[in-house]
């Protein structure tokens, strides 16, 4: 086929060749291993086409044609945003061009009657709006949709113009938001939250339920802009003064409009996974707020007077930088679950390796609710252990050992705690309990190593040898086991075996020998030539 100047003919030719392949039942085009003659011909034809010239051809065709219906009809039939394979990727890239979108907008008024006559005009219109959202604001389209509404037809909310359901102020505001975020916040079904009587809210950031708006009496009451990748929003957002629920999850917001406090009807605010360091001071005017999600933001503080949000019940602050000092004023909010908030702060500080601040938060938590959760009790005991505050840690770990879900882990930490308090008999009993309790055997090696260390300190070398040998059978590459066995055989005055294990410990993990100069377990062999040669070799390589 010779090249033609007619853009629609070129598109139809490409499609026809690929349809030949599809009709041969060879499977999806992207998975066809057999390269047919039709596919070769279509590929060759696409490669010859200059995309920019081709786009301009389509633009000119749409602009200049007295009856652009053949082009619009073709686009309706062949455009699919999800297509990623030839020829659709090629066609989509043409249609997505800004000039093509604009030309399509100009051409639509001429073909409104054609759209109405289609068997499924709503689907056709949805396709066109998907390509160019401005199309639904064309007067002829508005009239068509208005007739559908008057007839009581069930409409795809995507096709409804803002001006058909919103007042003038709200229409202008939502249009500015639409321009700002680059997407169409279309009319949608009500969205469910914990603070509204409608039920569809999803915590999934990718949920389409949190994109769009719903209305009552011509005013927007719920608005979702989830996943719109913008750093700021226009102040006109806050002209939508009837909003009760506002979803702004998983965007890239670095700030919120300073006039956020104008949304005095706001009950639920959802800001998860943004880049917010702070909230606007005016938020304290949103006195009806009951729920705020601001997880996974670098939030460093709360506005002064935040405690004035007296109806606030739920404040989700996981993975933020808030500390106890920011939360203390919130004790004035009687409805707020402060124990949960302090637990969130503690977990944040643990994740950020700030154990002292985590302990401070846990202390506040346990003043409010001494039995808040098994995890919090266990975590606090471990944190105190890590800071060497063993006497304080002991009571929490003993308590955590009573919980089925943390029993084995708590026993291990408690045995470690007793060991460092030189309560060796208690450490031995506790580690043995951990072995008996460990049904899944997931921590068996760790328990055996620690139990072996206890036996070494008790000078019970026979028992130490037994458990360390068993540990080595389970994990023959563990340098810590080799080191402990080296200690054991040194104390038994068996320098040959001790040095063999010590060599394997160096080979496995040389850092284990960092404190060997002060380790009295090696006093029996320290003066031997073999030990000094091994140490000289080790020191030369570190």
Protein backbone atom coordinates (compact mmCIF):
# COMPACT_ATOMS: atom_id res chain seq x y z
CA UNK A 1 0.00 0.00 0.00
CA UNK A 2 1.28 3.45 -0.85
CA UNK A 3 1.44 6.17 1.76
CA UNK A 4 -1.62 8.35 1.82
CA UNK A 5 -2.00 11.90 3.10
CA UNK A 6 -5.20 10.97 4.87
CA UNK A 7 -4.52 10.40 8.58
CA UNK A 8 -7.58 8.23 9.13
CA UNK A 9 -6.62 5.96 6.25
CA UNK A 10 -3.20 5.42 7.77
CA UNK A 11 -4.71 4.53 11.13
CA UNK A 12 -7.25 2.18 9.57
CA UNK A 13 -4.54 0.46 7.57
CA UNK A 14 -2.44 -0.25 10.67
CA UNK A 15 -5.45 -1.59 12.57
CA UNK A 16 -6.55 -3.79 9.69
CA UNK A 17 -3.16 -5.50 9.50
CA UNK A 18 -3.12 -6.27 13.19
CA UNK A 19 -6.71 -7.48 13.02
CA UNK A 20 -5.52 -10.04 10.49
CA UNK A 21 -3.20 -11.40 13.16
CA UNK A 22 -5.90 -11.36 15.84
CA UNK A 23 -8.31 -13.26 13.57
CA UNK A 24 -5.82 -16.12 13.24
CA UNK A 25 -6.29 -16.97 16.92
CA UNK A 26 -2.60 -16.73 17.64
CA UNK A 27 -3.20 -15.24 21.06
CA UNK A 28 -2.50 -11.76 22.35
CA UNK A 29 -0.38 -9.76 19.90
CA UNK A 30 2.25 -9.12 22.55
CA UNK A 31 2.62 -12.89 23.04
CA UNK A 32 2.63 -14.02 19.39
CA UNK A 33 5.83 -15.89 18.64
CA UNK A 34 4.97 -16.46 14.99
CA UNK A 35 5.67 -13.28 13.00
CA UNK A 36 3.05 -13.15 10.29
CA UNK A 37 3.32 -11.31 7.04
CA UNK A 38 0.60 -8.91 8.16
CA UNK A 39 2.56 -8.07 11.31
CA UNK A 40 5.74 -7.45 9.32
CA UNK A 41 3.86 -5.20 6.95
CA UNK A 42 2.18 -3.23 9.76
CA UNK A 43 5.46 -2.83 11.64
CA UNK A 44 7.23 -1.65 8.52
CA UNK A 45 4.43 0.82 7.81
CA UNK A 46 4.59 2.27 11.35
CA UNK A 47 8.36 2.67 11.16
CA UNK A 48 8.05 4.69 7.96
CA UNK A 49 5.62 7.13 9.54
CA UNK A 50 6.93 10.32 11.07
CA UNK A 51 5.02 10.63 14.32
CA UNK A 52 5.08 14.44 14.50
CA UNK A 53 3.91 14.79 10.89
CA UNK A 54 1.26 12.17 11.49
CA UNK A 55 0.01 14.06 14.54
CA UNK A 56 -0.18 17.26 12.53
CA UNK A 57 -2.13 15.41 9.81
CA UNK A 58 -4.72 14.39 12.37
CA UNK A 59 -4.88 17.90 13.85
CA UNK A 60 -5.43 19.42 10.41
CA UNK A 61 -8.06 16.82 9.57
CA UNK A 62 -10.01 17.59 12.75
CA UNK A 63 -9.68 21.37 12.37
CA UNK A 64 -10.46 21.67 8.67
CA UNK A 65 -13.08 19.03 8.10
CA UNK A 66 -16.64 20.23 7.77
CA UNK A 67 -17.70 16.88 9.15
CA UNK A 68 -14.96 15.49 11.44
CA UNK A 69 -17.16 12.57 12.53
CA UNK A 70 -15.09 9.89 10.79
CA UNK A 71 -12.04 10.92 12.83
CA UNK A 72 -13.94 11.21 16.12
CA UNK A 73 -15.65 7.86 15.52
CA UNK A 74 -12.34 6.19 14.80
CA UNK A 75 -10.82 7.60 17.99
CA UNK A 76 -13.81 6.40 20.03
CA UNK A 77 -13.43 2.87 18.66
CA UNK A 78 -9.67 2.53 18.71
CA UNK A 79 -8.43 4.58 21.70
CA UNK A 80 -7.67 2.56 24.80
CA UNK A 81 -5.50 4.12 27.49
CA UNK A 82 -4.39 0.72 28.76
CA UNK A 83 -2.99 -0.50 25.46
CA UNK A 84 0.76 -0.96 25.57
CA UNK A 85 1.41 -3.02 22.45
CA UNK A 86 1.63 -2.12 18.78
CA UNK A 87 -0.29 -0.70 17.08
CA UNK A 88 -2.18 0.71 20.03
CA UNK A 89 0.82 2.28 21.74
CA UNK A 90 1.50 4.13 18.49
CA UNK A 91 -2.12 5.27 18.15
CA UNK A 92 -2.35 6.32 21.80
CA UNK A 93 0.83 8.37 21.54
CA UNK A 94 -0.74 10.25 18.61
CA UNK A 95 -4.05 10.88 20.34
CA UNK A 96 -2.45 11.90 23.66
CA UNK A 97 -0.65 14.77 21.91
CA UNK A 98 -1.76 18.19 23.28
CA UNK A 99 -2.51 19.61 19.84
CA UNK A 100 -4.63 16.59 18.96
CA UNK A 101 -6.55 16.94 22.25
CA UNK A 102 -7.21 20.60 21.53
CA UNK A 103 -8.31 19.90 17.95
CA UNK A 104 -10.61 17.18 19.23
CA UNK A 105 -12.19 19.68 21.64
CA UNK A 106 -12.80 22.09 18.75
CA UNK A 107 -14.28 19.37 16.55
CA UNK A 108 -16.71 17.84 19.07
CA UNK A 109 -19.49 20.50 18.83
CA UNK A 110 -19.89 19.57 15.16
CA UNK A 111 -20.55 15.90 15.93
CA UNK A 112 -22.66 15.96 19.11
CA UNK A 113 -25.70 14.63 17.23
CA UNK A 114 -23.61 11.72 15.92
CA UNK A 115 -22.65 10.78 19.48
CA UNK A 116 -26.29 10.84 20.59
CA UNK A 117 -27.23 8.41 17.84
CA UNK A 118 -24.71 5.77 18.90
CA UNK A 119 -25.96 2.61 20.57
CA UNK A 120 -23.96 3.40 23.73
CA UNK A 121 -23.38 7.16 23.66
CA UNK A 122 -22.27 7.32 27.32
CA UNK A 123 -19.38 4.94 26.72
CA UNK A 124 -18.34 6.94 23.65
CA UNK A 125 -18.50 10.19 25.60
CA UNK A 126 -16.52 8.71 28.47
CA UNK A 127 -13.75 7.76 26.03
CA UNK A 128 -13.61 11.28 24.62
CA UNK A 129 -13.60 12.87 28.09
CA UNK A 130 -10.79 10.51 29.09
CA UNK A 131 -8.72 11.93 26.22
CA UNK A 132 -9.70 15.55 26.83
CA UNK A 133 -11.67 16.32 30.05
CA UNK A 134 -12.65 19.77 28.74
CA UNK A 135 -15.05 18.08 26.32
CA UNK A 136 -17.67 17.61 29.01
CA UNK A 137 -17.89 21.40 29.43
CA UNK A 138 -18.93 21.93 25.78
CA UNK A 139 -22.45 23.36 25.73
CA UNK A 140 -23.81 20.73 23.35
CA UNK A 141 -22.44 17.96 25.56
CA UNK A 142 -23.88 19.61 28.68
CA UNK A 143 -27.30 19.75 27.01
CA UNK A 144 -27.08 16.10 26.03
CA UNK A 145 -26.14 15.01 29.55
CA UNK A 146 -28.85 17.26 31.02
CA UNK A 147 -31.45 15.45 28.89
CA UNK A 148 -30.19 12.10 30.14
CA UNK A 149 -30.50 13.36 33.71
CA UNK A 150 -34.03 14.63 33.08
CA UNK A 151 -34.98 11.21 31.72
CA UNK A 152 -33.70 9.64 34.94
CA UNK A 153 -30.98 7.60 33.23
CA UNK A 154 -28.25 6.11 35.39
CA UNK A 155 -25.20 8.09 34.36
CA UNK A 156 -21.50 7.45 34.55
CA UNK A 157 -20.52 10.29 36.96
CA UNK A 158 -17.44 10.95 34.83
CA UNK A 159 -19.56 12.51 32.06
CA UNK A 160 -21.41 14.99 34.28
CA UNK A 161 -20.28 18.59 34.04
CA UNK A 162 -19.51 20.36 37.32
CA UNK A 163 -21.90 23.15 36.36
CA UNK A 164 -24.85 20.73 36.22
CA UNK A 165 -24.73 19.98 39.93
CA UNK A 166 -22.62 22.66 41.64
CA UNK A 167 -23.30 26.30 42.33
CA UNK A 168 -21.19 28.97 40.60
CA UNK A 169 -18.63 29.35 43.39
CA UNK A 170 -18.10 25.62 43.78
CA UNK A 171 -17.91 25.09 40.01
CA UNK A 172 -15.14 27.69 39.75
CA UNK A 173 -13.25 26.25 42.74
CA UNK A 174 -13.38 22.63 41.55
CA UNK A 175 -12.33 23.72 38.06
CA UNK A 176 -9.26 25.44 39.52
CA UNK A 177 -8.43 22.30 41.50
CA UNK A 178 -8.86 20.23 38.35
CA UNK A 179 -6.41 22.49 36.53
CA UNK A 180 -3.96 22.34 39.44
CA UNK A 181 -3.86 18.56 39.84
CA UNK A 182 -4.17 17.72 36.15
CA UNK A 183 -7.01 15.29 36.69
CA UNK A 184 -10.78 15.45 36.75
CA UNK A 185 -12.26 15.08 40.26
CA UNK A 186 -15.54 13.76 38.91
CA UNK A 187 -18.78 13.14 40.72
CA UNK A 188 -18.58 9.83 42.57
CA UNK A 189 -20.38 7.68 45.09
CA UNK A 190 -20.22 8.67 48.77
CA UNK A 191 -16.99 7.71 50.52
CA UNK A 192 -16.95 5.86 53.82
CA UNK A 193 -15.01 6.93 56.88
CA UNK A 194 -15.22 6.37 60.60
CA UNK A 195 -16.88 9.76 60.98
CA UNK A 196 -19.50 9.69 58.22
CA UNK A 197 -22.53 7.48 57.80
CA UNK A 198 -21.62 6.49 54.24
CA UNK A 199 -19.63 3.28 53.81
CA UNK A 200 -16.97 2.94 51.09
CA UNK A 201 -13.75 4.35 52.49
CA UNK A 202 -10.67 2.25 51.84
CA UNK A 203 -7.26 2.62 53.50
CA UNK A 204 -5.68 1.51 50.22
CA UNK A 205 -3.84 4.48 48.73
CA UNK A 206 -4.52 3.25 45.23
CA UNK A 207 -8.26 2.96 45.81
CA UNK A 208 -10.38 4.75 43.23
CA UNK A 209 -12.94 5.26 45.99
CA UNK A 210 -10.85 8.14 47.28
CA UNK A 211 -10.80 10.02 43.98
CA UNK A 212 -13.69 12.28 43.10
CA UNK A 213 -16.38 14.14 44.99
CA UNK A 214 -19.92 13.69 46.23
CA UNK A 215 -22.47 16.39 46.85
CA UNK A 216 -25.50 17.44 48.81
CA UNK A 217 -27.73 20.29 47.64
CA UNK A 218 -25.26 21.55 45.06
CA UNK A 219 -22.29 21.67 47.45
CA UNK A 220 -19.35 19.29 47.66
CA UNK A 221 -19.31 17.43 50.98
CA UNK A 222 -16.62 14.83 50.23
CA UNK A 223 -13.58 15.37 48.02
CA UNK A 224 -10.76 12.98 47.19
CA UNK A 225 -7.61 13.87 45.26
CA UNK A 226 -5.63 10.76 46.23
CA UNK A 227 -2.60 9.95 44.05
CA UNK A 228 -2.49 13.36 42.30
CA UNK A 229 1.24 14.09 42.21
CA UNK A 230 1.41 17.77 43.15
CA UNK A 231 3.24 19.62 45.93
CA UNK A 232 0.62 22.32 46.59
CA UNK A 233 -3.10 22.93 46.15
CA UNK A 234 -4.87 26.19 45.25
CA UNK A 235 -6.41 28.30 48.02
CA UNK A 236 -9.72 27.93 46.19
CA UNK A 237 -9.93 24.42 47.69
CA UNK A 238 -11.03 26.13 50.90
CA UNK A 239 -13.91 27.85 49.13
CA UNK A 240 -15.62 24.45 49.16
CA UNK A 241 -16.83 25.26 52.65
CA UNK A 242 -19.29 22.37 52.87
CA UNK A 243 -16.58 19.69 52.76
CA UNK A 244 -16.86 17.19 55.60
CA UNK A 245 -14.41 14.59 54.29
CA UNK A 246 -11.15 15.44 52.49
CA UNK A 247 -8.84 12.78 51.04
CA UNK A 248 -5.35 13.96 50.08
CA UNK A 249 -3.45 10.67 50.51
CA UNK A 250 -0.36 9.61 48.60
CA UNK A 251 0.31 12.89 46.84
CA UNK A 252 3.53 14.90 47.10
CA UNK A 253 2.20 17.74 49.21
CA UNK A 254 4.79 19.85 51.00
CA UNK A 255 2.17 22.27 52.35
CA UNK A 256 -1.57 22.79 52.67
CA UNK A 257 -3.48 26.01 51.95
CA UNK A 258 -3.06 28.45 54.84
CA UNK A 259 -6.80 29.07 54.79
CA UNK A 260 -7.59 25.40 55.53
CA UNK A 261 -9.44 26.63 58.64
CA UNK A 262 -12.20 27.97 56.37
CA UNK A 263 -13.39 24.36 56.05
CA UNK A 264 -15.31 24.63 59.29
CA UNK A 265 -17.54 21.62 58.48
CA UNK A 266 -14.53 19.30 58.10
CA UNK A 267 -14.86 16.06 60.08
CA UNK A 268 -12.26 13.76 58.48
CA UNK A 269 -8.88 14.77 57.03
CA UNK A 270 -6.69 12.15 55.32
CA UNK A 271 -3.11 13.14 54.51
CA UNK A 272 -1.16 9.86 54.55
CA UNK A 273 2.07 9.54 52.56
CA UNK A 274 2.90 13.12 51.67
CA UNK A 275 5.86 15.40 52.45
CA UNK A 276 4.29 17.63 55.09
CA UNK A 277 6.55 19.11 57.78
CA UNK A 278 3.68 20.99 59.41
CA UNK A 279 -0.03 21.70 59.33
CA UNK A 280 -1.44 25.21 58.80
CA UNK A 281 -2.18 27.12 61.99
CA UNK A 282 -5.74 27.76 60.85
CA UNK A 283 -6.62 24.06 61.21
CA UNK A 284 -7.61 24.77 64.82
CA UNK A 285 -10.71 26.46 63.39
CA UNK A 286 -11.88 23.11 61.98
CA UNK A 287 -13.58 22.46 65.28
CA UNK A 288 -15.70 19.56 63.97
CA UNK A 289 -12.67 17.42 63.07
CA UNK A 290 -13.03 13.93 64.48
CA UNK A 291 -10.33 12.03 62.59
CA UNK A 292 -6.95 12.94 61.10
CA UNK A 293 -4.64 10.56 59.26
CA UNK A 294 -1.16 11.95 58.71
CA UNK A 295 0.94 8.80 58.62
CA UNK A 296 4.21 8.67 56.68
CA UNK A 297 4.91 12.41 56.66
CA UNK A 298 8.02 14.18 58.04
CA UNK A 299 5.71 16.06 60.43
CA UNK A 300 7.83 17.80 63.09
CA UNK A 301 5.23 19.64 65.14
CA UNK A 302 1.56 20.39 65.65
CA UNK A 303 0.07 23.88 65.42
CA UNK A 304 -0.30 25.89 68.63
CA UNK A 305 -3.73 25.38 70.05
CA UNK A 306 -4.23 22.00 68.41
CA UNK A 307 -5.86 20.91 71.68
CA UNK A 308 -8.83 23.14 70.72
CA UNK A 309 -9.99 20.37 68.35
CA UNK A 310 -12.18 19.09 71.16
CA UNK A 311 -14.09 16.60 68.97
CA UNK A 312 -10.96 14.82 67.76
CA UNK A 313 -11.16 11.07 68.43
CA UNK A 314 -8.57 9.53 66.12
CA UNK A 315 -5.12 10.91 65.29
CA UNK A 316 -2.93 8.56 63.26
CA UNK A 317 0.72 9.68 63.34
CA UNK A 318 2.72 6.54 62.54
CA UNK A 319 6.02 7.24 60.80
CA UNK A 320 6.19 10.94 61.67
CA UNK A 321 8.71 12.96 63.71
CA UNK A 322 6.34 14.03 66.46
CA UNK A 323 7.49 13.55 70.04
CA UNK A 324 5.98 13.43 73.53
CA UNK A 325 6.25 17.20 73.98
CA UNK A 326 3.98 17.75 70.96
CA UNK A 327 1.33 15.39 72.28
CA UNK A 328 1.27 16.42 75.94
CA UNK A 329 -1.09 19.41 75.35
CA UNK A 330 -3.60 17.04 73.74
CA UNK A 331 -4.51 15.61 77.15
CA UNK A 332 -7.16 18.33 77.17
CA UNK A 333 -9.02 16.51 74.37
CA UNK A 334 -11.17 14.09 76.32
CA UNK A 335 -12.29 12.08 73.28
CA UNK A 336 -8.79 11.36 71.96
CA UNK A 337 -7.21 7.91 72.32
CA UNK A 338 -3.93 9.14 73.81
CA UNK A 339 -2.60 5.67 74.62
CA UNK A 340 -2.71 4.79 70.93
CA UNK A 341 -0.95 8.05 70.03
CA UNK A 342 1.87 7.51 72.53
CA UNK A 343 2.27 4.00 71.19
CA UNK A 344 2.60 5.47 67.68
CA UNK A 345 5.29 7.88 68.89
CA UNK A 346 7.18 5.08 70.61
CA UNK A 347 7.14 2.97 67.44
CA UNK A 348 8.29 5.98 65.40
CA UNK A 349 11.25 6.49 67.73
CA UNK A 350 12.17 2.81 67.66
CA UNK A 351 12.22 2.90 63.85
CA UNK A 352 14.41 6.02 63.94
CA UNK A 353 16.81 4.45 66.48
CA UNK A 354 15.93 6.86 69.27
CA UNK A 355 15.47 4.48 72.21
CA UNK A 356 15.47 7.14 74.95
CA UNK A 357 12.61 9.04 73.30
CA UNK A 358 10.81 5.75 72.65
CA UNK A 359 11.05 4.86 76.34
CA UNK A 360 9.67 8.29 77.24
CA UNK A 361 6.66 7.68 75.00
CA UNK A 362 6.10 4.18 76.36
CA UNK A 363 6.22 5.57 79.90
CA UNK A 364 3.45 8.02 79.05
CA UNK A 365 1.52 5.19 77.41
CA UNK A 366 1.68 2.95 80.48
CA UNK A 367 0.57 5.74 82.78
CA UNK A 368 -2.63 5.89 80.74
CA UNK A 369 -3.02 2.15 80.11
CA UNK A 370 -0.61 -0.26 81.86
CA UNK A 371 -1.83 -3.15 79.69
CA UNK A 372 -2.17 -1.30 76.39
CA UNK A 373 -0.81 -4.13 74.23
CA UNK A 374 1.45 -7.16 74.45
CA UNK A 375 3.73 -5.67 71.81
CA UNK A 376 4.24 -2.41 73.69
CA UNK A 377 5.15 -4.18 76.93
CA UNK A 378 7.61 -6.47 75.16
CA UNK A 379 9.12 -3.60 73.15
CA UNK A 380 9.71 -1.45 76.23
CA UNK A 381 11.49 -4.31 77.99
CA UNK A 382 13.76 -4.81 74.99
CA UNK A 383 14.53 -1.09 74.73
CA UNK A 384 15.54 -0.92 78.39
CA UNK A 385 17.67 -4.02 77.86
CA UNK A 386 19.43 -2.38 74.92
CA UNK A 387 20.37 0.60 77.10
CA UNK A 388 21.66 -1.63 79.91
CA UNK A 389 18.80 -0.65 82.21
CA UNK A 390 18.31 -4.27 83.20
CA UNK A 391 16.54 -3.84 86.54
CA UNK A 392 13.85 -1.68 84.88
CA UNK A 393 13.57 -4.01 81.90
CA UNK A 394 13.10 -7.13 84.02
CA UNK A 395 9.53 -6.40 85.17
CA UNK A 396 8.30 -5.67 81.62
CA UNK A 397 9.93 -8.77 80.16
CA UNK A 398 8.60 -10.96 82.97
CA UNK A 399 5.13 -9.57 82.20
CA UNK A 400 5.56 -10.10 78.44
CA UNK A 401 6.53 -13.73 79.11
CA UNK A 402 2.93 -14.34 80.18
CA UNK A 403 1.63 -13.55 76.68
CA UNK A 404 1.33 -16.44 74.25
CA UNK A 405 2.19 -14.31 71.21
CA UNK A 406 5.50 -13.06 72.65
CA UNK A 407 6.37 -15.83 75.07
CA UNK A 408 9.47 -17.26 73.37
CA UNK A 409 10.89 -13.86 72.40
CA UNK A 410 10.23 -12.49 75.88
CA UNK A 411 11.93 -15.50 77.52
CA UNK A 412 15.03 -15.01 75.36
CA UNK A 413 15.23 -11.30 76.22
CA UNK A 414 14.58 -12.07 79.89
CA UNK A 415 17.31 -14.72 79.95
CA UNK A 416 19.68 -12.15 78.43
CA UNK A 417 18.50 -9.69 81.12
CA UNK A 418 19.20 -12.11 84.00
CA UNK A 419 22.59 -12.98 82.51
CA UNK A 420 23.69 -9.33 82.52
CA UNK A 421 22.48 -8.92 86.08
CA UNK A 422 24.64 -11.93 86.96
CA UNK A 423 21.55 -13.91 87.91
CA UNK A 424 22.99 -16.97 86.22
CA UNK A 425 20.67 -19.58 87.73
CA UNK A 426 17.63 -17.55 86.64
CA UNK A 427 19.17 -17.06 83.19
CA UNK A 428 19.72 -20.83 82.83
CA UNK A 429 16.14 -21.65 83.85
CA UNK A 430 14.74 -19.01 81.52
CA UNK A 431 16.75 -20.09 78.49
CA UNK A 432 15.71 -23.70 79.11
CA UNK A 433 12.06 -22.59 79.20
CA UNK A 434 12.64 -20.78 75.91
CA UNK A 435 13.96 -24.02 74.36
CA UNK A 436 10.94 -25.98 75.59
CA UNK A 437 8.51 -23.28 74.45
CA UNK A 438 10.03 -22.76 71.00
CA UNK A 439 7.74 -25.00 68.94
CA UNK A 440 8.79 -23.51 65.61
CA UNK A 441 12.51 -23.83 66.45
CA UNK A 442 13.00 -20.43 64.82
CA UNK A 443 15.15 -19.11 67.69
CA UNK A 444 16.77 -22.39 68.76
CA UNK A 445 20.30 -21.46 67.71
CA UNK A 446 20.14 -18.11 69.52
CA UNK A 447 18.89 -19.78 72.70
CA UNK A 448 21.57 -22.48 72.57
CA UNK A 449 24.34 -19.89 72.12
CA UNK A 450 23.09 -17.88 75.09
CA UNK A 451 22.58 -20.98 77.23
CA UNK A 452 26.11 -22.08 76.36
CA UNK A 453 27.43 -18.68 77.49
CA UNK A 454 25.58 -19.07 80.81
CA UNK A 455 27.13 -22.50 81.36
CA UNK A 456 30.57 -21.09 80.62
CA UNK A 457 30.08 -18.43 83.28
CA UNK A 458 28.84 -21.12 85.68
CA UNK A 459 31.99 -23.14 84.88
CA UNK A 460 29.69 -25.99 83.84
CA UNK A 461 31.90 -26.92 80.89
CA UNK A 462 30.25 -30.25 80.16
CA UNK A 463 26.81 -28.70 79.68
CA UNK A 464 28.33 -25.80 77.74
CA UNK A 465 30.03 -28.23 75.35
CA UNK A 466 26.80 -30.15 74.85
CA UNK A 467 24.60 -27.18 73.90
CA UNK A 468 27.27 -25.41 71.81
CA UNK A 469 27.99 -28.58 69.85
CA UNK A 470 24.27 -28.94 69.15
CA UNK A 471 24.14 -25.29 68.03
CA UNK A 472 27.07 -25.89 65.67
CA UNK A 473 25.28 -28.86 64.10
CA UNK A 474 22.34 -26.58 63.35
CA UNK A 475 24.47 -23.70 62.05
CA UNK A 476 27.99 -24.81 61.00
CA UNK A 477 28.92 -21.34 59.68
CA UNK A 478 28.18 -19.35 62.82
CA UNK A 479 31.32 -17.55 64.02
CA UNK A 480 29.91 -16.82 67.48
CA UNK A 481 29.52 -20.54 68.17
CA UNK A 482 33.13 -21.16 67.08
CA UNK A 483 34.34 -18.37 69.36
CA UNK A 484 32.46 -19.74 72.38
CA UNK A 485 33.78 -23.23 71.71
CA UNK A 486 37.29 -21.78 71.51
CA UNK A 487 36.71 -20.23 74.95
CA UNK A 488 35.42 -23.55 76.25
CA UNK A 489 38.42 -25.63 75.11
CA UNK A 490 40.90 -23.00 76.30
CA UNK A 491 39.40 -23.33 79.76
CA UNK A 492 39.79 -27.13 79.40
CA UNK A 493 43.48 -26.53 78.58
CA UNK A 494 43.01 -28.12 75.15
CA UNK A 495 44.91 -25.49 73.15
CA UNK A 496 44.88 -27.45 69.88
CA UNK A 497 41.09 -27.66 69.60
CA UNK A 498 40.67 -24.14 71.03
CA UNK A 499 42.94 -22.69 68.35
CA UNK A 500 41.14 -24.65 65.62
CA UNK A 501 37.81 -23.14 66.67
CA UNK A 502 39.37 -19.70 67.08
CA UNK A 503 40.74 -19.87 63.53
CA UNK A 504 37.27 -20.77 62.23
CA UNK A 505 35.77 -17.89 64.22
CA UNK A 506 38.23 -15.48 62.55
CA UNK A 507 37.44 -17.00 59.18
CA UNK A 508 33.70 -16.65 59.74
CA UNK A 509 33.57 -13.24 61.43
CA UNK A 510 36.84 -11.60 62.44
CA UNK A 511 35.04 -8.79 64.32
CA UNK A 512 34.18 -11.31 67.06
CA UNK A 513 37.79 -11.07 68.26
CA UNK A 514 37.62 -7.32 68.95
CA UNK A 515 37.76 -7.83 72.75
CA UNK A 516 39.93 -10.95 72.88
CA UNK A 517 42.83 -9.17 74.61
CA UNK A 518 40.66 -8.80 77.72
CA UNK A 519 38.89 -12.14 77.51
CA UNK A 520 40.10 -14.19 80.48
CA UNK A 521 38.79 -17.40 78.89
CA UNK A 522 41.99 -17.48 76.81
CA UNK A 523 44.40 -16.98 79.72
CA UNK A 524 45.31 -20.68 79.68
CA UNK A 525 46.68 -20.54 76.12
CA UNK A 526 47.53 -16.84 75.70
CA UNK A 527 51.27 -17.37 76.17
CA UNK A 528 51.53 -20.25 73.72
CA UNK A 529 53.46 -19.69 70.49
CA UNK A 530 50.54 -20.97 68.43
CA UNK A 531 48.10 -18.48 70.00
CA UNK A 532 50.50 -15.56 69.52
CA UNK A 533 51.13 -16.56 65.89
CA UNK A 534 47.38 -16.68 65.23
CA UNK A 535 46.89 -13.30 66.89
CA UNK A 536 49.76 -11.77 64.93
CA UNK A 537 48.19 -13.00 61.70
CA UNK A 538 44.78 -11.67 62.78
CA UNK A 539 46.18 -8.25 63.77
CA UNK A 540 48.07 -7.88 60.50
CA UNK A 541 44.84 -8.31 58.58
CA UNK A 542 42.74 -5.86 60.60
